[in-house]
Amino acid sequence: MVIVGLQWKPLEPDEPIGVVALSGPVDPAKLEAGLAVLRSWGNPVVGAGNLRAAEAYLAGSDEQRLAGLEEVRRAGARVVIAARGGYGATRLLPSLPLRRLAKEGLCLVGFSDMTAVLNAMAGAGGGPQIHGPMVAAGLARGDNARGLLTLLREGPTERPLFRIGEGSVARHGRAVGPSLGGNLSLLTALLGTPWEPDFAGSVLFLEEVGEPLYRLDRMLTHLRASARLQDVKALIGGSLRGCRPASDRADRWRRLLLEAAPDGVPVVVGLPFGHSAVNRAFPIGATVELDTRGGCVAWR
């Protein structure tokens, strides 16, 4: 069973927010646009020392990126938002003090490459982590920023995380369980490692970017064949930006998720999270409810 750890602690108005670069180099203009949004929230903003570093396809060395996280933590930032994804977060997992960070109440925000760390933090017994827009990847869009700020300040409310139209329902049903998931490639890459999530009993969210459809098939087939999906409570599909061929994308994704899901498990597709322009924030490691007849996903 996925661990549901510490209770949610909302972001306070005067609480510092940390910004880290744990993966790829950050575009300066996009970074400044996202930082401007964060400053408009009124919270102090603390940036990691490597935010503008670049070493090939990484935002500095492994040591620099780890040091950046510790730096913003020492400055009092409990809520820490990634600047961007790309590649590199999985390289840090062996050195991240996950259980200490979980005990301290760290709440990470990100998606894409950050999928590995979000799920590892939740699995280490931390409070809910947030799958959502990053400072230089989607935060400058107003609705993304408003949704993230509302989630950080309020946590579980009567307001749904997602509303579901009938066209998004591939298989009807209701499911309650710990939320898990994010980027399909990153989740698949964690199989067989010490940081592999426990899929059993979870409501599993999946999205992808830039992968041909046959690779989505291959990854879902791997998950199914390795018995990782046999006890999931629900499959929820997000965006597939750049996954080709586009003409077959929506229908193929629906069919692939239906094939991968155990019999009778509800399946929903096309929700606005992941690499699409609209990237709605939702928790990882929290109890969520999917109710297709009621038309929503909610944080319980």
Protein backbone atom coordinates (compact mmCIF):
# COMPACT_ATOMS: atom_id res chain seq x y z
CA MET A 1 0.00 0.00 0.00
CA VAL A 2 1.22 3.51 -0.78
CA ILE A 3 2.20 5.35 2.38
CA VAL A 4 -0.02 8.28 3.32
CA GLY A 5 2.21 10.20 5.68
CA LEU A 6 2.02 13.47 7.57
CA GLN A 7 -1.10 15.61 7.53
CA TRP A 8 -1.29 18.51 5.12
CA LYS A 9 0.11 21.81 6.40
CA PRO A 10 -1.04 24.86 4.43
CA LEU A 11 1.34 27.53 3.17
CA GLU A 12 1.25 30.51 5.53
CA PRO A 13 1.19 34.07 4.10
CA ASP A 14 4.62 34.98 5.50
CA GLU A 15 6.26 31.57 4.96
CA PRO A 16 9.26 31.52 2.60
CA ILE A 17 9.01 29.60 -0.67
CA GLY A 18 12.14 27.91 -2.01
CA VAL A 19 13.00 27.59 -5.69
CA VAL A 20 15.40 24.82 -6.73
CA ALA A 21 16.93 23.41 -9.91
CA LEU A 22 17.29 19.66 -9.41
CA SER A 23 17.23 18.73 -13.09
CA GLY A 24 18.09 20.56 -16.31
CA PRO A 25 19.42 24.09 -16.97
CA VAL A 26 16.80 26.82 -16.60
CA ASP A 27 15.86 29.34 -19.29
CA PRO A 28 16.61 32.78 -17.77
CA ALA A 29 13.59 34.58 -19.24
CA LYS A 30 11.16 31.87 -18.19
CA LEU A 31 12.73 31.77 -14.74
CA GLU A 32 12.29 35.52 -14.26
CA ALA A 33 8.65 35.36 -15.42
CA GLY A 34 7.90 32.60 -12.92
CA LEU A 35 9.76 34.33 -10.10
CA ALA A 36 7.68 37.45 -10.72
CA VAL A 37 4.53 35.38 -10.21
CA LEU A 38 5.88 33.93 -6.97
CA ARG A 39 6.80 37.38 -5.64
CA SER A 40 3.27 38.59 -6.41
CA TRP A 41 1.96 36.06 -3.86
CA GLY A 42 3.56 38.08 -1.08
CA ASN A 43 5.69 35.27 0.38
CA PRO A 44 9.46 35.67 0.65
CA VAL A 45 11.18 33.80 -2.20
CA VAL A 46 14.49 32.00 -1.64
CA GLY A 47 16.42 30.79 -4.68
CA ALA A 48 19.01 28.01 -4.74
CA GLY A 49 22.54 29.02 -5.62
CA ASN A 50 22.57 26.83 -8.74
CA LEU A 51 19.36 28.25 -10.29
CA ARG A 52 21.32 29.76 -13.19
CA ALA A 53 24.00 27.09 -13.41
CA ALA A 54 24.47 24.89 -16.47
CA GLU A 55 26.65 21.82 -16.90
CA ALA A 56 25.77 20.10 -20.20
CA TYR A 57 22.13 18.94 -19.71
CA LEU A 58 22.11 19.57 -15.94
CA ALA A 59 21.70 22.65 -13.75
CA GLY A 60 25.14 22.12 -12.27
CA SER A 61 26.76 19.05 -10.79
CA ASP A 62 24.89 16.57 -8.62
CA GLU A 63 26.57 18.13 -5.59
CA GLN A 64 25.51 21.65 -6.60
CA ARG A 65 21.91 20.64 -7.18
CA LEU A 66 21.71 18.81 -3.84
CA ALA A 67 23.35 21.76 -2.11
CA GLY A 68 20.75 24.08 -3.63
CA LEU A 69 17.95 22.14 -1.95
CA GLU A 70 19.69 22.17 1.42
CA GLU A 71 20.36 25.90 1.00
CA VAL A 72 16.69 26.84 0.64
CA ARG A 73 15.78 24.48 3.48
CA ARG A 74 18.27 26.22 5.79
CA ALA A 75 16.65 29.51 4.82
CA GLY A 76 13.38 28.20 6.24
CA ALA A 77 11.59 27.12 3.06
CA ARG A 78 9.28 24.15 3.69
CA VAL A 79 7.40 24.55 0.40
CA VAL A 80 9.94 24.16 -2.41
CA ILE A 81 9.06 24.57 -6.09
CA ALA A 82 11.25 23.18 -8.87
CA ALA A 83 12.35 25.61 -11.56
CA ARG A 84 11.95 23.04 -14.35
CA GLY A 85 12.22 19.35 -15.19
CA GLY A 86 14.22 17.82 -18.01
CA TYR A 87 16.59 15.20 -16.64
CA GLY A 88 18.70 14.75 -13.53
CA ALA A 89 16.41 14.31 -10.52
CA THR A 90 16.74 10.51 -10.50
CA ARG A 91 20.53 10.89 -10.25
CA LEU A 92 20.01 12.55 -6.87
CA LEU A 93 17.80 9.90 -5.27
CA PRO A 94 20.66 7.87 -3.71
CA SER A 95 21.92 11.00 -1.95
CA LEU A 96 18.64 12.62 -0.94
CA PRO A 97 17.87 12.24 2.79
CA LEU A 98 14.26 11.41 2.00
CA ARG A 99 13.16 10.29 5.45
CA ARG A 100 14.68 13.32 7.14
CA LEU A 101 13.11 15.67 4.61
CA ALA A 102 9.78 13.87 5.01
CA LYS A 103 9.95 14.17 8.80
CA GLU A 104 10.72 17.88 8.46
CA GLY A 105 7.54 18.34 6.41
CA LEU A 106 9.12 19.25 3.08
CA CYS A 107 6.53 19.82 0.34
CA LEU A 108 7.96 19.68 -3.17
CA VAL A 109 6.13 21.05 -6.21
CA GLY A 110 6.88 19.96 -9.76
CA PHE A 111 6.13 17.54 -12.58
CA SER A 112 7.92 15.81 -15.46
CA ASP A 113 11.39 14.77 -14.18
CA MET A 114 10.32 15.70 -10.63
CA THR A 115 7.92 12.71 -10.71
CA ALA A 116 10.70 10.53 -9.28
CA VAL A 117 11.27 12.76 -6.24
CA LEU A 118 7.59 13.52 -5.58
CA ASN A 119 6.71 9.84 -5.35
CA ALA A 120 9.85 9.00 -3.37
CA MET A 121 9.05 11.73 -0.83
CA ALA A 122 5.48 10.50 -0.46
CA GLY A 123 6.73 6.93 -0.10
CA ALA A 124 9.15 8.00 2.63
CA GLY A 125 6.21 9.02 4.79
CA GLY A 126 6.15 12.74 4.08
CA GLY A 127 3.06 14.87 3.75
CA PRO A 128 1.41 15.25 0.34
CA GLN A 129 3.70 16.48 -2.42
CA ILE A 130 2.29 18.57 -5.27
CA HIS A 131 2.29 17.61 -8.94
CA GLY A 132 1.91 20.96 -10.62
CA PRO A 133 3.47 23.83 -12.58
CA MET A 134 7.09 24.78 -12.05
CA VAL A 135 8.61 28.24 -11.84
CA ALA A 136 10.01 28.25 -15.39
CA ALA A 137 7.54 25.69 -16.75
CA GLY A 138 3.92 26.78 -16.63
CA LEU A 139 3.72 29.02 -13.56
CA ALA A 140 3.60 32.20 -15.63
CA ARG A 141 0.19 31.12 -16.95
CA GLY A 142 -2.34 32.74 -14.63
CA ASP A 143 -4.78 29.87 -14.17
CA ASN A 144 -1.94 27.45 -13.39
CA ALA A 145 -0.53 29.83 -10.77
CA ARG A 146 -3.91 30.53 -9.19
CA GLY A 147 -4.71 26.83 -8.94
CA LEU A 148 -1.35 26.02 -7.35
CA LEU A 149 -1.59 28.86 -4.83
CA THR A 150 -5.12 27.84 -3.86
CA LEU A 151 -4.01 24.24 -3.33
CA LEU A 152 -0.97 25.26 -1.29
CA ARG A 153 -2.95 27.58 0.96
CA GLU A 154 -6.10 25.49 1.36
CA GLY A 155 -5.27 21.81 0.82
CA PRO A 156 -8.29 19.49 0.89
CA THR A 157 -11.58 21.35 0.42
CA GLU A 158 -15.00 20.65 -1.07
CA ARG A 159 -13.70 22.08 -4.34
CA PRO A 160 -12.83 19.28 -6.82
CA LEU A 161 -9.29 18.87 -8.06
CA PHE A 162 -10.65 18.00 -11.51
CA ARG A 163 -14.08 17.97 -13.07
CA ILE A 164 -14.76 15.09 -15.46
CA GLY A 165 -16.96 15.31 -18.53
CA GLU A 166 -18.66 12.24 -19.91
CA GLY A 167 -16.32 12.24 -22.90
CA SER A 168 -13.33 11.71 -20.59
CA VAL A 169 -14.76 8.55 -19.01
CA ALA A 170 -13.35 5.39 -20.57
CA ARG A 171 -14.79 3.16 -17.85
CA HIS A 172 -17.18 4.30 -15.15
CA GLY A 173 -16.61 3.67 -11.46
CA ARG A 174 -15.67 5.07 -8.09
CA ALA A 175 -12.32 4.66 -6.37
CA VAL A 176 -10.68 5.95 -3.21
CA GLY A 177 -6.99 5.57 -2.55
CA PRO A 178 -3.62 7.28 -2.23
CA SER A 179 -2.67 9.34 -5.28
CA LEU A 180 0.49 8.31 -7.09
CA GLY A 181 2.07 8.93 -10.46
CA GLY A 182 3.03 11.63 -12.90
CA ASN A 183 5.27 11.08 -15.90
CA LEU A 184 5.01 7.56 -17.31
CA SER A 185 8.65 7.36 -18.46
CA LEU A 186 9.95 8.37 -15.03
CA LEU A 187 7.72 5.90 -13.21
CA THR A 188 8.80 3.08 -15.52
CA ALA A 189 12.46 4.00 -14.99
CA LEU A 190 12.01 3.54 -11.22
CA LEU A 191 10.91 -0.09 -11.50
CA GLY A 192 13.33 -2.40 -9.68
CA THR A 193 15.01 0.47 -7.81
CA PRO A 194 14.75 1.24 -4.07
CA TRP A 195 12.58 4.25 -4.99
CA GLU A 196 9.97 2.35 -6.96
CA PRO A 197 6.50 3.39 -5.72
CA ASP A 198 4.14 0.83 -4.26
CA PHE A 199 1.33 0.88 -6.81
CA ALA A 200 -1.03 -1.36 -4.84
CA GLY A 201 -4.24 0.38 -3.83
CA SER A 202 -3.36 3.63 -5.57
CA VAL A 203 -5.25 6.02 -7.78
CA LEU A 204 -2.63 6.27 -10.51
CA PHE A 205 -2.15 9.45 -12.57
CA LEU A 206 -0.17 9.17 -15.84
CA GLU A 207 0.98 11.71 -18.43
CA GLU A 208 3.71 11.90 -21.06
CA VAL A 209 5.44 14.23 -23.51
CA GLY A 210 7.20 13.72 -26.83
CA GLU A 211 7.04 9.92 -26.93
CA PRO A 212 5.74 7.97 -29.94
CA LEU A 213 2.58 6.04 -29.18
CA TYR A 214 4.32 2.67 -29.49
CA ARG A 215 6.58 3.66 -26.59
CA LEU A 216 3.56 4.45 -24.43
CA ASP A 217 2.31 0.97 -25.33
CA ARG A 218 5.68 -0.53 -24.39
CA MET A 219 5.81 1.22 -21.01
CA LEU A 220 2.25 0.36 -20.05
CA THR A 221 2.83 -3.23 -21.18
CA HIS A 222 5.92 -3.32 -18.93
CA LEU A 223 3.92 -2.05 -15.96
CA ARG A 224 1.13 -4.54 -16.58
CA ALA A 225 3.41 -7.52 -17.24
CA SER A 226 5.41 -6.81 -14.08
CA ALA A 227 2.14 -6.96 -12.06
CA ARG A 228 2.52 -3.36 -10.89
CA LEU A 229 -1.01 -2.49 -12.04
CA GLN A 230 -2.89 -5.54 -10.79
CA ASP A 231 -4.12 -3.84 -7.58
CA VAL A 232 -4.51 -0.20 -8.63
CA LYS A 233 -7.88 1.37 -7.83
CA ALA A 234 -8.07 3.68 -10.87
CA LEU A 235 -6.11 4.95 -13.86
CA ILE A 236 -6.28 8.65 -14.72
CA GLY A 237 -4.71 9.89 -17.95
CA GLY A 238 -3.41 13.41 -18.44
CA SER A 239 -1.85 15.27 -21.36
CA LEU A 240 0.20 13.71 -24.14
CA ARG A 241 1.79 16.79 -25.71
CA GLY A 242 3.99 15.91 -28.66
CA CYS A 243 3.16 12.19 -28.58
CA ARG A 244 2.69 11.07 -32.18
CA PRO A 245 0.94 10.36 -34.41
CA ALA A 246 -1.43 13.06 -33.17
CA SER A 247 -4.29 11.79 -35.34
CA ASP A 248 -4.48 8.55 -33.35
CA ARG A 249 -3.31 9.86 -29.99
CA ALA A 250 -6.52 10.33 -27.99
CA ASP A 251 -8.14 7.08 -29.10
CA ARG A 252 -4.97 5.02 -28.70
CA TRP A 253 -4.26 6.39 -25.20
CA ARG A 254 -7.80 5.51 -24.11
CA ARG A 255 -7.45 1.97 -25.44
CA LEU A 256 -3.99 1.49 -23.91
CA LEU A 257 -5.18 2.55 -20.46
CA LEU A 258 -8.22 0.29 -20.70
CA GLU A 259 -5.95 -2.62 -21.61
CA ALA A 260 -3.59 -1.84 -18.74
CA ALA A 261 -6.26 -1.40 -16.05
CA PRO A 262 -7.54 -4.41 -14.11
CA ASP A 263 -11.10 -5.50 -14.89
CA GLY A 264 -13.72 -3.21 -13.38
CA VAL A 265 -11.26 -0.45 -12.45
CA PRO A 266 -12.41 3.05 -13.52
CA VAL A 267 -10.40 4.76 -16.24
CA VAL A 268 -10.47 8.46 -17.11
CA VAL A 269 -8.53 10.23 -19.88
CA GLY A 270 -7.78 13.74 -21.04
CA LEU A 271 -7.54 15.57 -17.71
CA PRO A 272 -5.53 18.83 -17.74
CA PHE A 273 -2.30 17.89 -15.96
CA GLY A 274 1.21 17.34 -17.22
CA HIS A 275 2.95 19.01 -20.13
CA SER A 276 -0.10 20.74 -21.57
CA ALA A 277 -0.55 24.53 -21.35
CA VAL A 278 -3.10 24.00 -18.58
CA ASN A 279 -1.44 22.05 -15.78
CA ARG A 280 -3.73 21.69 -12.77
CA ALA A 281 -2.04 21.02 -9.46
CA PHE A 282 -2.96 17.92 -7.45
CA PRO A 283 -1.41 16.05 -4.51
CA ILE A 284 0.83 12.99 -4.63
CA GLY A 285 0.60 10.80 -1.53
CA ALA A 286 -2.82 12.02 -0.39
CA THR A 287 -6.14 10.19 -0.29
CA VAL A 288 -8.18 11.10 -3.36
CA GLU A 289 -11.57 10.00 -4.64
CA LEU A 290 -12.50 9.46 -8.27
CA ASP A 291 -16.23 9.38 -8.95
CA THR A 292 -17.06 9.26 -12.64
CA ARG A 293 -20.83 9.46 -12.07
CA GLY A 294 -20.33 12.50 -9.87
CA GLY A 295 -17.94 13.89 -12.47
CA CYS A 296 -14.95 14.77 -10.31
CA VAL A 297 -11.66 13.89 -8.65
CA ALA A 298 -11.43 15.25 -5.09
CA TRP A 299 -8.84 15.37 -2.30
CA ARG A 300 -10.24 13.65 0.80
